[in-house]
Amino acid sequence: MIAGLSPNTQWVLFSTLILGMAAGLIGCLAYWKRQSLMSDALSHAALPGVVIAFALLGFKSIPGMIAGAAVSALLGFLFIQWIQSSSKIKEDTAMGIILSIFFGLGMMLLSIVNRTAGGGQSGLDSFIFGQAASMTGKDVRTMSALALAVIAAVAIGFKEWKLFLFDSDFARGLGLSGKLMNGIYMTLLILVIVIGIQAVGVILMSALLIIPPVSARYWTQSFKRMLILSALFGGGAGAAGTWISTLGKGWPTGPFIVVVSSSLFLISLVFGFQKGWLAKWRHVQAHKRQAAEPLRQNARKEESAV
């Protein structure tokens, strides 16, 4: 237990730690599928579902809002696929279109709901930038359980994920269905998004999915080590950002998580063993020394001959 923090705050910290780890793992899969922007699009697409669920229920119910966010995010994904398949529009453009439409619709619905009786006290605004401190014990347990399920799904199917991402032809030869793996991947991605938007917010949830795997890539070329590092970076950013947000009254969680995550990225960018600036500088210097060595040897031979 952490001294000086209430039991509820400690449970919130634990839940955002687990959420960050789950987001880091799924973000790593999205990185290798070259779909990092998909997480951004689906995060924003979840907002209308949250607002519509509150409007239909008439009260704030986290399970109901999670279900609404999941349906809305799934619709966003299906629309992206439909736009891409029925036109010449590329995937990233389709993602941008759906992101803008769904988020604009969500903000419009949010402004309408906030003007209704009791809407201003609904706490829906916390879904924009996140407010982990407002989470109840039931919210924390739900988020933690679902995040642990995501972590277990990635860990148990590690070999299958590796085949799916890096050798799909061989995977099909072994009987591993690409459609099934894509379906599981998209389900896990949507699940992480919808359980994290209350803590991190729909705008910044994508940062928790994108920044940790990119940071981990600077340290290793191993897929397994990258998964572990991405989970550690995501979990560390989630817990640290949440802790900082609890130091002030009403401080949103999402921005602080992004600041911590960005700091980890900058450290990785400079000091990363594989692709960091210092590693590249050392490689260039070593290459220059290697290229200059024959010239130095020839110079020494000429001096000895004289």
C-alpha atoms as a PDB file:
ATOM      1  CA  MET A   1       0.000   0.000   0.000  1.00  0.00           C
ATOM      2  CA  ILE A   2       1.157   3.550  -0.749  1.00  0.00           C
ATOM      3  CA  ALA A   3       1.412   5.776   2.308  1.00  0.00           C
ATOM      4  CA  GLY A   4      -0.528   9.022   2.195  1.00  0.00           C
ATOM      5  CA  LEU A   5      -3.100   7.847  -0.363  1.00  0.00           C
ATOM      6  CA  SER A   6      -6.631   6.741   0.414  1.00  0.00           C
ATOM      7  CA  PRO A   7      -7.580   3.116  -0.349  1.00  0.00           C
ATOM      8  CA  ASN A   8      -9.870   4.249  -3.187  1.00  0.00           C
ATOM      9  CA  THR A   9      -7.072   6.292  -4.779  1.00  0.00           C
ATOM     10  CA  GLN A  10      -4.716   3.334  -4.553  1.00  0.00           C
ATOM     11  CA  TRP A  11      -7.243   1.115  -6.312  1.00  0.00           C
ATOM     12  CA  VAL A  12      -7.673   3.759  -9.009  1.00  0.00           C
ATOM     13  CA  LEU A  13      -3.888   3.845  -9.460  1.00  0.00           C
ATOM     14  CA  PHE A  14      -3.835   0.059  -9.748  1.00  0.00           C
ATOM     15  CA  SER A  15      -6.616   0.090 -12.337  1.00  0.00           C
ATOM     16  CA  THR A  16      -4.896   2.702 -14.532  1.00  0.00           C
ATOM     17  CA  LEU A  17      -1.652   0.743 -14.195  1.00  0.00           C
ATOM     18  CA  ILE A  18      -3.397  -2.368 -15.553  1.00  0.00           C
ATOM     19  CA  LEU A  19      -5.204  -0.293 -18.188  1.00  0.00           C
ATOM     20  CA  GLY A  20      -1.900   1.228 -19.351  1.00  0.00           C
ATOM     21  CA  MET A  21      -0.329  -2.228 -19.633  1.00  0.00           C
ATOM     22  CA  ALA A  22      -3.281  -3.529 -21.660  1.00  0.00           C
ATOM     23  CA  ALA A  23      -3.200  -0.445 -23.908  1.00  0.00           C
ATOM     24  CA  GLY A  24       0.555  -0.845 -24.419  1.00  0.00           C
ATOM     25  CA  LEU A  25       0.127  -4.471 -25.497  1.00  0.00           C
ATOM     26  CA  ILE A  26      -2.743  -3.785 -27.908  1.00  0.00           C
ATOM     27  CA  GLY A  27      -0.970  -0.690 -29.171  1.00  0.00           C
ATOM     28  CA  CYS A  28       2.026  -2.871 -29.987  1.00  0.00           C
ATOM     29  CA  LEU A  29      -0.180  -5.143 -32.105  1.00  0.00           C
ATOM     30  CA  ALA A  30      -1.656  -2.073 -33.831  1.00  0.00           C
ATOM     31  CA  TYR A  31       1.872  -0.742 -34.460  1.00  0.00           C
ATOM     32  CA  TRP A  32       2.909  -3.876 -36.335  1.00  0.00           C
ATOM     33  CA  LYS A  33      -0.394  -3.969 -38.222  1.00  0.00           C
ATOM     34  CA  ARG A  34       0.309  -0.353 -39.229  1.00  0.00           C
ATOM     35  CA  GLN A  35      -3.049   0.690 -37.778  1.00  0.00           C
ATOM     36  CA  SER A  36      -1.992   3.069 -35.024  1.00  0.00           C
ATOM     37  CA  LEU A  37      -4.360   5.701 -36.416  1.00  0.00           C
ATOM     38  CA  MET A  38      -7.226   3.203 -36.055  1.00  0.00           C
ATOM     39  CA  SER A  39      -7.024   3.526 -32.273  1.00  0.00           C
ATOM     40  CA  ASP A  40      -7.360   7.308 -32.591  1.00  0.00           C
ATOM     41  CA  ALA A  41     -10.371   7.021 -34.882  1.00  0.00           C
ATOM     42  CA  LEU A  42     -12.179   4.471 -32.705  1.00  0.00           C
ATOM     43  CA  SER A  43     -11.436   6.421 -29.506  1.00  0.00           C
ATOM     44  CA  HIS A  44     -13.205   9.461 -30.914  1.00  0.00           C
ATOM     45  CA  ALA A  45     -15.947   7.299 -32.437  1.00  0.00           C
ATOM     46  CA  ALA A  46     -16.851   5.973 -28.975  1.00  0.00           C
ATOM     47  CA  LEU A  47     -18.102   9.348 -27.671  1.00  0.00           C
ATOM     48  CA  PRO A  48     -21.569   9.324 -29.309  1.00  0.00           C
ATOM     49  CA  GLY A  49     -22.262   5.898 -27.833  1.00  0.00           C
ATOM     50  CA  VAL A  50     -21.450   7.131 -24.325  1.00  0.00           C
ATOM     51  CA  VAL A  51     -23.815  10.097 -24.619  1.00  0.00           C
ATOM     52  CA  ILE A  52     -26.626   8.114 -26.266  1.00  0.00           C
ATOM     53  CA  ALA A  53     -26.388   5.404 -23.588  1.00  0.00           C
ATOM     54  CA  PHE A  54     -26.748   8.048 -20.847  1.00  0.00           C
ATOM     55  CA  ALA A  55     -29.691   9.645 -22.639  1.00  0.00           C
ATOM     56  CA  LEU A  56     -31.488   6.300 -23.025  1.00  0.00           C
ATOM     57  CA  LEU A  57     -30.835   5.121 -19.469  1.00  0.00           C
ATOM     58  CA  GLY A  58     -31.478   8.472 -17.833  1.00  0.00           C
ATOM     59  CA  PHE A  59     -28.658   7.990 -15.331  1.00  0.00           C
ATOM     60  CA  LYS A  60     -24.918   7.347 -15.277  1.00  0.00           C
ATOM     61  CA  SER A  61     -24.292   3.608 -15.588  1.00  0.00           C
ATOM     62  CA  ILE A  62     -20.727   2.601 -16.417  1.00  0.00           C
ATOM     63  CA  PRO A  63     -21.662  -0.851 -17.835  1.00  0.00           C
ATOM     64  CA  GLY A  64     -24.331   0.802 -19.975  1.00  0.00           C
ATOM     65  CA  MET A  65     -21.950   3.511 -21.179  1.00  0.00           C
ATOM     66  CA  ILE A  66     -19.253   0.937 -21.921  1.00  0.00           C
ATOM     67  CA  ALA A  67     -21.779  -0.998 -24.004  1.00  0.00           C
ATOM     68  CA  GLY A  68     -22.794   2.194 -25.813  1.00  0.00           C
ATOM     69  CA  ALA A  69     -19.175   3.136 -26.461  1.00  0.00           C
ATOM     70  CA  ALA A  70     -18.442  -0.359 -27.763  1.00  0.00           C
ATOM     71  CA  VAL A  71     -21.374  -0.257 -30.203  1.00  0.00           C
ATOM     72  CA  SER A  72     -20.410   3.233 -31.386  1.00  0.00           C
ATOM     73  CA  ALA A  73     -16.736   2.287 -31.857  1.00  0.00           C
ATOM     74  CA  LEU A  74     -17.744  -0.878 -33.709  1.00  0.00           C
ATOM     75  CA  LEU A  75     -19.982   1.154 -36.020  1.00  0.00           C
ATOM     76  CA  GLY A  76     -17.057   3.500 -36.632  1.00  0.00           C
ATOM     77  CA  PHE A  77     -14.856   0.553 -37.603  1.00  0.00           C
ATOM     78  CA  LEU A  78     -17.530  -0.878 -39.921  1.00  0.00           C
ATOM     79  CA  PHE A  79     -17.976   2.497 -41.612  1.00  0.00           C
ATOM     80  CA  ILE A  80     -14.215   2.761 -42.137  1.00  0.00           C
ATOM     81  CA  GLN A  81     -14.222  -0.675 -43.774  1.00  0.00           C
ATOM     82  CA  TRP A  82     -17.251   0.224 -45.881  1.00  0.00           C
ATOM     83  CA  ILE A  83     -15.752   3.509 -47.112  1.00  0.00           C
ATOM     84  CA  GLN A  84     -12.492   1.780 -47.962  1.00  0.00           C
ATOM     85  CA  SER A  85     -14.125  -1.133 -49.817  1.00  0.00           C
ATOM     86  CA  SER A  86     -16.765   0.845 -51.723  1.00  0.00           C
ATOM     87  CA  SER A  87     -14.535   3.663 -52.939  1.00  0.00           C
ATOM     88  CA  LYS A  88     -10.964   4.526 -53.846  1.00  0.00           C
ATOM     89  CA  ILE A  89     -10.461   6.311 -50.534  1.00  0.00           C
ATOM     90  CA  LYS A  90      -7.448   4.994 -48.594  1.00  0.00           C
ATOM     91  CA  GLU A  91      -7.722   3.617 -45.071  1.00  0.00           C
ATOM     92  CA  ASP A  92      -6.061   6.550 -43.309  1.00  0.00           C
ATOM     93  CA  THR A  93      -8.366   9.018 -45.086  1.00  0.00           C
ATOM     94  CA  ALA A  94     -11.406   6.940 -44.152  1.00  0.00           C
ATOM     95  CA  MET A  95     -10.233   6.927 -40.533  1.00  0.00           C
ATOM     96  CA  GLY A  96      -9.930  10.706 -40.570  1.00  0.00           C
ATOM     97  CA  ILE A  97     -13.436  11.071 -41.999  1.00  0.00           C
ATOM     98  CA  ILE A  98     -15.049   8.794 -39.416  1.00  0.00           C
ATOM     99  CA  LEU A  99     -13.035  10.348 -36.568  1.00  0.00           C
ATOM    100  CA  SER A 100     -14.287  13.830 -37.448  1.00  0.00           C
ATOM    101  CA  ILE A 101     -17.919  12.843 -38.052  1.00  0.00           C
ATOM    102  CA  PHE A 102     -18.350  10.714 -34.938  1.00  0.00           C
ATOM    103  CA  PHE A 103     -16.518  13.105 -32.624  1.00  0.00           C
ATOM    104  CA  GLY A 104     -18.476  16.071 -33.958  1.00  0.00           C
ATOM    105  CA  LEU A 105     -21.704  14.118 -33.466  1.00  0.00           C
ATOM    106  CA  GLY A 106     -20.644  13.201 -29.926  1.00  0.00           C
ATOM    107  CA  MET A 107     -19.874  16.794 -28.997  1.00  0.00           C
ATOM    108  CA  MET A 108     -23.210  17.942 -30.419  1.00  0.00           C
ATOM    109  CA  LEU A 109     -25.109  15.305 -28.442  1.00  0.00           C
ATOM    110  CA  LEU A 110     -23.094  16.123 -25.323  1.00  0.00           C
ATOM    111  CA  SER A 111     -24.024  19.804 -25.518  1.00  0.00           C
ATOM    112  CA  ILE A 112     -27.703  18.855 -25.904  1.00  0.00           C
ATOM    113  CA  VAL A 113     -27.662  16.409 -22.973  1.00  0.00           C
ATOM    114  CA  ASN A 114     -25.866  18.900 -20.710  1.00  0.00           C
ATOM    115  CA  ARG A 115     -28.756  21.339 -21.199  1.00  0.00           C
ATOM    116  CA  THR A 116     -31.338  18.824 -20.018  1.00  0.00           C
ATOM    117  CA  ALA A 117     -32.414  18.436 -16.394  1.00  0.00           C
ATOM    118  CA  GLY A 118     -29.659  16.669 -14.522  1.00  0.00           C
ATOM    119  CA  GLY A 119     -27.438  16.558 -17.581  1.00  0.00           C
ATOM    120  CA  GLY A 120     -24.990  19.093 -16.185  1.00  0.00           C
ATOM    121  CA  GLN A 121     -24.371  16.863 -13.164  1.00  0.00           C
ATOM    122  CA  SER A 122     -23.989  13.684 -15.229  1.00  0.00           C
ATOM    123  CA  GLY A 123     -20.198  13.843 -15.301  1.00  0.00           C
ATOM    124  CA  LEU A 124     -20.158  13.175 -19.049  1.00  0.00           C
ATOM    125  CA  ASP A 125     -17.595  15.935 -19.558  1.00  0.00           C
ATOM    126  CA  SER A 126     -15.048  13.719 -17.807  1.00  0.00           C
ATOM    127  CA  PHE A 127     -15.187  11.404 -20.830  1.00  0.00           C
ATOM    128  CA  ILE A 128     -13.516  14.105 -22.942  1.00  0.00           C
ATOM    129  CA  PHE A 129     -10.212  14.409 -21.065  1.00  0.00           C
ATOM    130  CA  GLY A 130     -10.662  11.664 -18.453  1.00  0.00           C
ATOM    131  CA  GLN A 131     -11.137  11.913 -14.713  1.00  0.00           C
ATOM    132  CA  ALA A 132      -9.914   8.789 -12.898  1.00  0.00           C
ATOM    133  CA  ALA A 133     -10.547  10.358  -9.490  1.00  0.00           C
ATOM    134  CA  SER A 134     -14.303  10.322 -10.166  1.00  0.00           C
ATOM    135  CA  MET A 135     -14.353   6.549 -10.623  1.00  0.00           C
ATOM    136  CA  THR A 136     -16.246   4.486  -8.064  1.00  0.00           C
ATOM    137  CA  GLY A 137     -15.187   1.130  -6.649  1.00  0.00           C
ATOM    138  CA  LYS A 138     -17.475  -0.653  -9.102  1.00  0.00           C
ATOM    139  CA  ASP A 139     -15.942   1.285 -12.024  1.00  0.00           C
ATOM    140  CA  VAL A 140     -12.447   0.341 -10.885  1.00  0.00           C
ATOM    141  CA  ARG A 141     -13.284  -3.350 -10.541  1.00  0.00           C
ATOM    142  CA  THR A 142     -14.948  -3.459 -13.957  1.00  0.00           C
ATOM    143  CA  MET A 143     -12.078  -1.698 -15.700  1.00  0.00           C
ATOM    144  CA  SER A 144      -9.419  -3.783 -13.956  1.00  0.00           C
ATOM    145  CA  ALA A 145     -11.142  -7.097 -14.736  1.00  0.00           C
ATOM    146  CA  LEU A 146     -11.564  -6.282 -18.423  1.00  0.00           C
ATOM    147  CA  ALA A 147      -8.004  -4.948 -18.737  1.00  0.00           C
ATOM    148  CA  LEU A 148      -6.626  -8.119 -17.123  1.00  0.00           C
ATOM    149  CA  ALA A 149      -8.656 -10.165 -19.616  1.00  0.00           C
ATOM    150  CA  VAL A 150      -7.031  -8.240 -22.491  1.00  0.00           C
ATOM    151  CA  ILE A 151      -3.542  -8.813 -21.049  1.00  0.00           C
ATOM    152  CA  ALA A 152      -4.292 -12.534 -20.656  1.00  0.00           C
ATOM    153  CA  ALA A 153      -5.557 -12.774 -24.261  1.00  0.00           C
ATOM    154  CA  VAL A 154      -2.316 -11.294 -25.615  1.00  0.00           C
ATOM    155  CA  ALA A 155      -0.067 -13.342 -23.321  1.00  0.00           C
ATOM    156  CA  ILE A 156      -1.795 -16.679 -23.932  1.00  0.00           C
ATOM    157  CA  GLY A 157      -1.882 -16.213 -27.710  1.00  0.00           C
ATOM    158  CA  PHE A 158       1.647 -14.796 -28.048  1.00  0.00           C
ATOM    159  CA  LYS A 159       2.768 -17.372 -30.654  1.00  0.00           C
ATOM    160  CA  GLU A 160      -0.421 -16.925 -32.651  1.00  0.00           C
ATOM    161  CA  TRP A 161      -0.082 -13.138 -32.609  1.00  0.00           C
ATOM    162  CA  LYS A 162       3.508 -13.409 -33.792  1.00  0.00           C
ATOM    163  CA  LEU A 163       2.528 -15.652 -36.713  1.00  0.00           C
ATOM    164  CA  PHE A 164      -0.480 -13.480 -37.539  1.00  0.00           C
ATOM    165  CA  LEU A 165       1.583 -10.283 -37.672  1.00  0.00           C
ATOM    166  CA  PHE A 166       4.820 -11.465 -39.289  1.00  0.00           C
ATOM    167  CA  ASP A 167       4.065 -14.600 -41.333  1.00  0.00           C
ATOM    168  CA  SER A 168       0.403 -14.717 -42.259  1.00  0.00           C
ATOM    169  CA  ASP A 169       0.945 -17.217 -45.093  1.00  0.00           C
ATOM    170  CA  PHE A 170       2.601 -19.723 -42.756  1.00  0.00           C
ATOM    171  CA  ALA A 171      -0.142 -19.088 -40.200  1.00  0.00           C
ATOM    172  CA  ARG A 172      -2.818 -19.946 -42.774  1.00  0.00           C
ATOM    173  CA  GLY A 173      -0.895 -23.088 -43.631  1.00  0.00           C
ATOM    174  CA  LEU A 174      -1.126 -24.118 -39.980  1.00  0.00           C
ATOM    175  CA  GLY A 175      -4.877 -23.524 -39.995  1.00  0.00           C
ATOM    176  CA  LEU A 176      -4.829 -20.169 -38.192  1.00  0.00           C
ATOM    177  CA  SER A 177      -7.700 -18.119 -39.551  1.00  0.00           C
ATOM    178  CA  GLY A 178      -6.749 -14.577 -40.486  1.00  0.00           C
ATOM    179  CA  LYS A 179     -10.367 -13.429 -40.169  1.00  0.00           C
ATOM    180  CA  LEU A 180     -10.590 -14.891 -36.677  1.00  0.00           C
ATOM    181  CA  MET A 181      -7.364 -13.211 -35.560  1.00  0.00           C
ATOM    182  CA  ASN A 182      -8.473  -9.899 -37.084  1.00  0.00           C
ATOM    183  CA  GLY A 183     -11.784 -10.212 -35.271  1.00  0.00           C
ATOM    184  CA  ILE A 184     -10.088 -10.927 -31.932  1.00  0.00           C
ATOM    185  CA  TYR A 185      -7.630  -8.070 -32.477  1.00  0.00           C
ATOM    186  CA  MET A 186     -10.389  -5.567 -33.244  1.00  0.00           C
ATOM    187  CA  THR A 187     -12.459  -6.796 -30.284  1.00  0.00           C
ATOM    188  CA  LEU A 188      -9.512  -6.309 -27.914  1.00  0.00           C
ATOM    189  CA  LEU A 189      -8.735  -2.881 -29.379  1.00  0.00           C
ATOM    190  CA  ILE A 190     -12.318  -1.673 -28.937  1.00  0.00           C
ATOM    191  CA  LEU A 191     -12.468  -3.198 -25.449  1.00  0.00           C
ATOM    192  CA  VAL A 192      -9.339  -1.340 -24.311  1.00  0.00           C
ATOM    193  CA  ILE A 193     -10.674   1.913 -25.728  1.00  0.00           C
ATOM    194  CA  VAL A 194     -14.108   1.721 -24.125  1.00  0.00           C
ATOM    195  CA  ILE A 195     -12.833   0.731 -20.675  1.00  0.00           C
ATOM    196  CA  GLY A 196     -10.195   3.454 -20.713  1.00  0.00           C
ATOM    197  CA  ILE A 197     -12.135   6.476 -21.900  1.00  0.00           C
ATOM    198  CA  GLN A 198     -13.473   7.355 -18.429  1.00  0.00           C
ATOM    199  CA  ALA A 199      -9.956   7.415 -16.995  1.00  0.00           C
ATOM    200  CA  VAL A 200      -8.062   8.883 -19.962  1.00  0.00           C
ATOM    201  CA  GLY A 201     -10.761  10.449 -22.127  1.00  0.00           C
ATOM    202  CA  VAL A 202     -11.772   9.879 -25.738  1.00  0.00           C
ATOM    203  CA  ILE A 203      -9.374  12.535 -27.051  1.00  0.00           C
ATOM    204  CA  LEU A 204      -6.238  11.216 -25.353  1.00  0.00           C
ATOM    205  CA  MET A 205      -6.949   7.469 -25.133  1.00  0.00           C
ATOM    206  CA  SER A 206      -5.184   7.041 -28.462  1.00  0.00           C
ATOM    207  CA  ALA A 207      -1.957   8.406 -26.943  1.00  0.00           C
ATOM    208  CA  LEU A 208      -1.901   5.530 -24.467  1.00  0.00           C
ATOM    209  CA  LEU A 209      -2.182   3.127 -27.405  1.00  0.00           C
ATOM    210  CA  ILE A 210       0.326   4.812 -29.717  1.00  0.00           C
ATOM    211  CA  ILE A 211       3.174   6.310 -27.651  1.00  0.00           C
ATOM    212  CA  PRO A 212       4.248   3.284 -25.505  1.00  0.00           C
ATOM    213  CA  PRO A 213       4.897   0.895 -28.443  1.00  0.00           C
ATOM    214  CA  VAL A 214       6.712   3.607 -30.402  1.00  0.00           C
ATOM    215  CA  SER A 215       8.884   4.284 -27.334  1.00  0.00           C
ATOM    216  CA  ALA A 216       9.571   0.565 -26.876  1.00  0.00           C
ATOM    217  CA  ARG A 217      10.684   0.260 -30.510  1.00  0.00           C
ATOM    218  CA  TYR A 218      13.696   2.470 -29.762  1.00  0.00           C
ATOM    219  CA  TRP A 219      15.013  -0.071 -27.245  1.00  0.00           C
ATOM    220  CA  THR A 220      14.692  -3.440 -28.965  1.00  0.00           C
ATOM    221  CA  GLN A 221      14.067  -5.285 -32.204  1.00  0.00           C
ATOM    222  CA  SER A 222      12.554  -8.311 -30.478  1.00  0.00           C
ATOM    223  CA  PHE A 223       8.765  -8.543 -30.691  1.00  0.00           C
ATOM    224  CA  LYS A 224       8.538 -10.202 -27.281  1.00  0.00           C
ATOM    225  CA  ARG A 225      10.716  -7.617 -25.547  1.00  0.00           C
ATOM    226  CA  MET A 226       8.857  -4.844 -27.343  1.00  0.00           C
ATOM    227  CA  LEU A 227       5.552  -6.144 -25.973  1.00  0.00           C
ATOM    228  CA  ILE A 228       6.966  -6.228 -22.440  1.00  0.00           C
ATOM    229  CA  LEU A 229       8.502  -2.753 -22.688  1.00  0.00           C
ATOM    230  CA  SER A 230       5.360  -1.305 -24.238  1.00  0.00           C
ATOM    231  CA  ALA A 231       3.292  -2.727 -21.382  1.00  0.00           C
ATOM    232  CA  LEU A 232       5.722  -1.305 -18.810  1.00  0.00           C
ATOM    233  CA  PHE A 233       5.773   2.127 -20.447  1.00  0.00           C
ATOM    234  CA  GLY A 234       1.978   2.195 -20.759  1.00  0.00           C
ATOM    235  CA  GLY A 235       1.408   1.001 -17.202  1.00  0.00           C
ATOM    236  CA  GLY A 236       3.977   3.399 -15.784  1.00  0.00           C
ATOM    237  CA  ALA A 237       2.488   6.360 -17.668  1.00  0.00           C
ATOM    238  CA  GLY A 238      -1.043   5.401 -16.597  1.00  0.00           C
ATOM    239  CA  ALA A 239      -0.189   5.088 -12.909  1.00  0.00           C
ATOM    240  CA  ALA A 240       2.130   8.128 -12.756  1.00  0.00           C
ATOM    241  CA  GLY A 241      -0.278  10.379 -14.686  1.00  0.00           C
ATOM    242  CA  THR A 242      -3.172   9.324 -12.472  1.00  0.00           C
ATOM    243  CA  TRP A 243      -1.156   9.978  -9.317  1.00  0.00           C
ATOM    244  CA  ILE A 244      -0.239  13.481 -10.507  1.00  0.00           C
ATOM    245  CA  SER A 245      -3.884  14.231 -11.352  1.00  0.00           C
ATOM    246  CA  THR A 246      -4.918  13.340  -7.789  1.00  0.00           C
ATOM    247  CA  LEU A 247      -2.660  16.075  -6.391  1.00  0.00           C
ATOM    248  CA  GLY A 248      -5.030  18.802  -7.565  1.00  0.00           C
ATOM    249  CA  LYS A 249      -8.787  19.238  -7.360  1.00  0.00           C
ATOM    250  CA  GLY A 250     -10.551  18.388 -10.604  1.00  0.00           C
ATOM    251  CA  TRP A 251      -7.339  17.877 -12.576  1.00  0.00           C
ATOM    252  CA  PRO A 252      -8.075  15.748 -15.680  1.00  0.00           C
ATOM    253  CA  THR A 253      -6.185  12.468 -15.852  1.00  0.00           C
ATOM    254  CA  GLY A 254      -5.631  12.156 -19.592  1.00  0.00           C
ATOM    255  CA  PRO A 255      -3.307  15.146 -20.121  1.00  0.00           C
ATOM    256  CA  PHE A 256      -0.997  14.091 -17.275  1.00  0.00           C
ATOM    257  CA  ILE A 257      -0.809  10.532 -18.595  1.00  0.00           C
ATOM    258  CA  VAL A 258       0.114  11.919 -22.012  1.00  0.00           C
ATOM    259  CA  VAL A 259       2.789  14.182 -20.488  1.00  0.00           C
ATOM    260  CA  VAL A 260       4.379  11.243 -18.640  1.00  0.00           C
ATOM    261  CA  SER A 261       4.126   9.026 -21.702  1.00  0.00           C
ATOM    262  CA  SER A 262       5.678  11.756 -23.875  1.00  0.00           C
ATOM    263  CA  SER A 263       8.544  12.100 -21.391  1.00  0.00           C
ATOM    264  CA  LEU A 264       9.221   8.367 -21.675  1.00  0.00           C
ATOM    265  CA  PHE A 265       9.177   8.742 -25.454  1.00  0.00           C
ATOM    266  CA  LEU A 266      11.748  11.558 -25.366  1.00  0.00           C
ATOM    267  CA  ILE A 267      14.016   9.469 -23.128  1.00  0.00           C
ATOM    268  CA  SER A 268      13.660   6.545 -25.535  1.00  0.00           C
ATOM    269  CA  LEU A 269      14.292   8.796 -28.520  1.00  0.00           C
ATOM    270  CA  VAL A 270      17.621   9.929 -27.068  1.00  0.00           C
ATOM    271  CA  PHE A 271      18.885   6.893 -25.138  1.00  0.00           C
ATOM    272  CA  GLY A 272      17.214   3.908 -26.848  1.00  0.00           C
ATOM    273  CA  PHE A 273      19.666   1.048 -27.430  1.00  0.00           C
ATOM    274  CA  GLN A 274      18.515   0.280 -30.970  1.00  0.00           C
ATOM    275  CA  LYS A 275      17.260   3.457 -32.630  1.00  0.00           C
ATOM    276  CA  GLY A 276      17.989   6.237 -30.132  1.00  0.00           C
ATOM    277  CA  TRP A 277      19.966   9.283 -31.180  1.00  0.00           C
ATOM    278  CA  LEU A 278      22.977   8.314 -29.072  1.00  0.00           C
ATOM    279  CA  ALA A 279      22.981   4.769 -30.457  1.00  0.00           C
ATOM    280  CA  LYS A 280      22.862   6.117 -34.022  1.00  0.00           C
ATOM    281  CA  TRP A 281      25.638   8.608 -33.250  1.00  0.00           C
ATOM    282  CA  ARG A 282      27.847   5.838 -31.827  1.00  0.00           C
ATOM    283  CA  HIS A 283      27.136   3.699 -34.899  1.00  0.00           C
ATOM    284  CA  VAL A 284      28.117   6.535 -37.253  1.00  0.00           C
ATOM    285  CA  GLN A 285      31.307   7.189 -35.286  1.00  0.00           C
ATOM    286  CA  ALA A 286      32.211   3.486 -35.321  1.00  0.00           C
ATOM    287  CA  HIS A 287      31.587   3.342 -39.075  1.00  0.00           C
ATOM    288  CA  LYS A 288      33.812   6.372 -39.630  1.00  0.00           C
ATOM    289  CA  ARG A 289      36.601   4.801 -37.572  1.00  0.00           C
ATOM    290  CA  GLN A 290      36.242   1.555 -39.495  1.00  0.00           C
ATOM    291  CA  ALA A 291      36.371   3.357 -42.826  1.00  0.00           C
ATOM    292  CA  ALA A 292      39.403   5.416 -41.764  1.00  0.00           C
ATOM    293  CA  GLU A 293      41.384   2.441 -40.431  1.00  0.00           C
ATOM    294  CA  PRO A 294      42.775   1.326 -43.876  1.00  0.00           C
ATOM    295  CA  LEU A 295      43.946   4.879 -44.520  1.00  0.00           C
ATOM    296  CA  ARG A 296      45.760   4.961 -41.177  1.00  0.00           C
ATOM    297  CA  GLN A 297      47.355   1.584 -41.883  1.00  0.00           C
ATOM    298  CA  ASN A 298      48.569   2.784 -45.307  1.00  0.00           C
ATOM    299  CA  ALA A 299      49.975   5.931 -43.724  1.00  0.00           C
ATOM    300  CA  ARG A 300      51.887   3.872 -41.141  1.00  0.00           C
ATOM    301  CA  LYS A 301      53.260   1.605 -43.903  1.00  0.00           C
ATOM    302  CA  GLU A 302      54.474   4.610 -45.873  1.00  0.00           C
ATOM    303  CA  GLU A 303      56.158   6.087 -42.799  1.00  0.00           C
ATOM    304  CA  SER A 304      57.916   2.792 -42.029  1.00  0.00           C
ATOM    305  CA  ALA A 305      59.067   2.484 -45.654  1.00  0.00           C
ATOM    306  CA  VAL A 306      60.625   5.920 -45.525  1.00  0.00           C
END
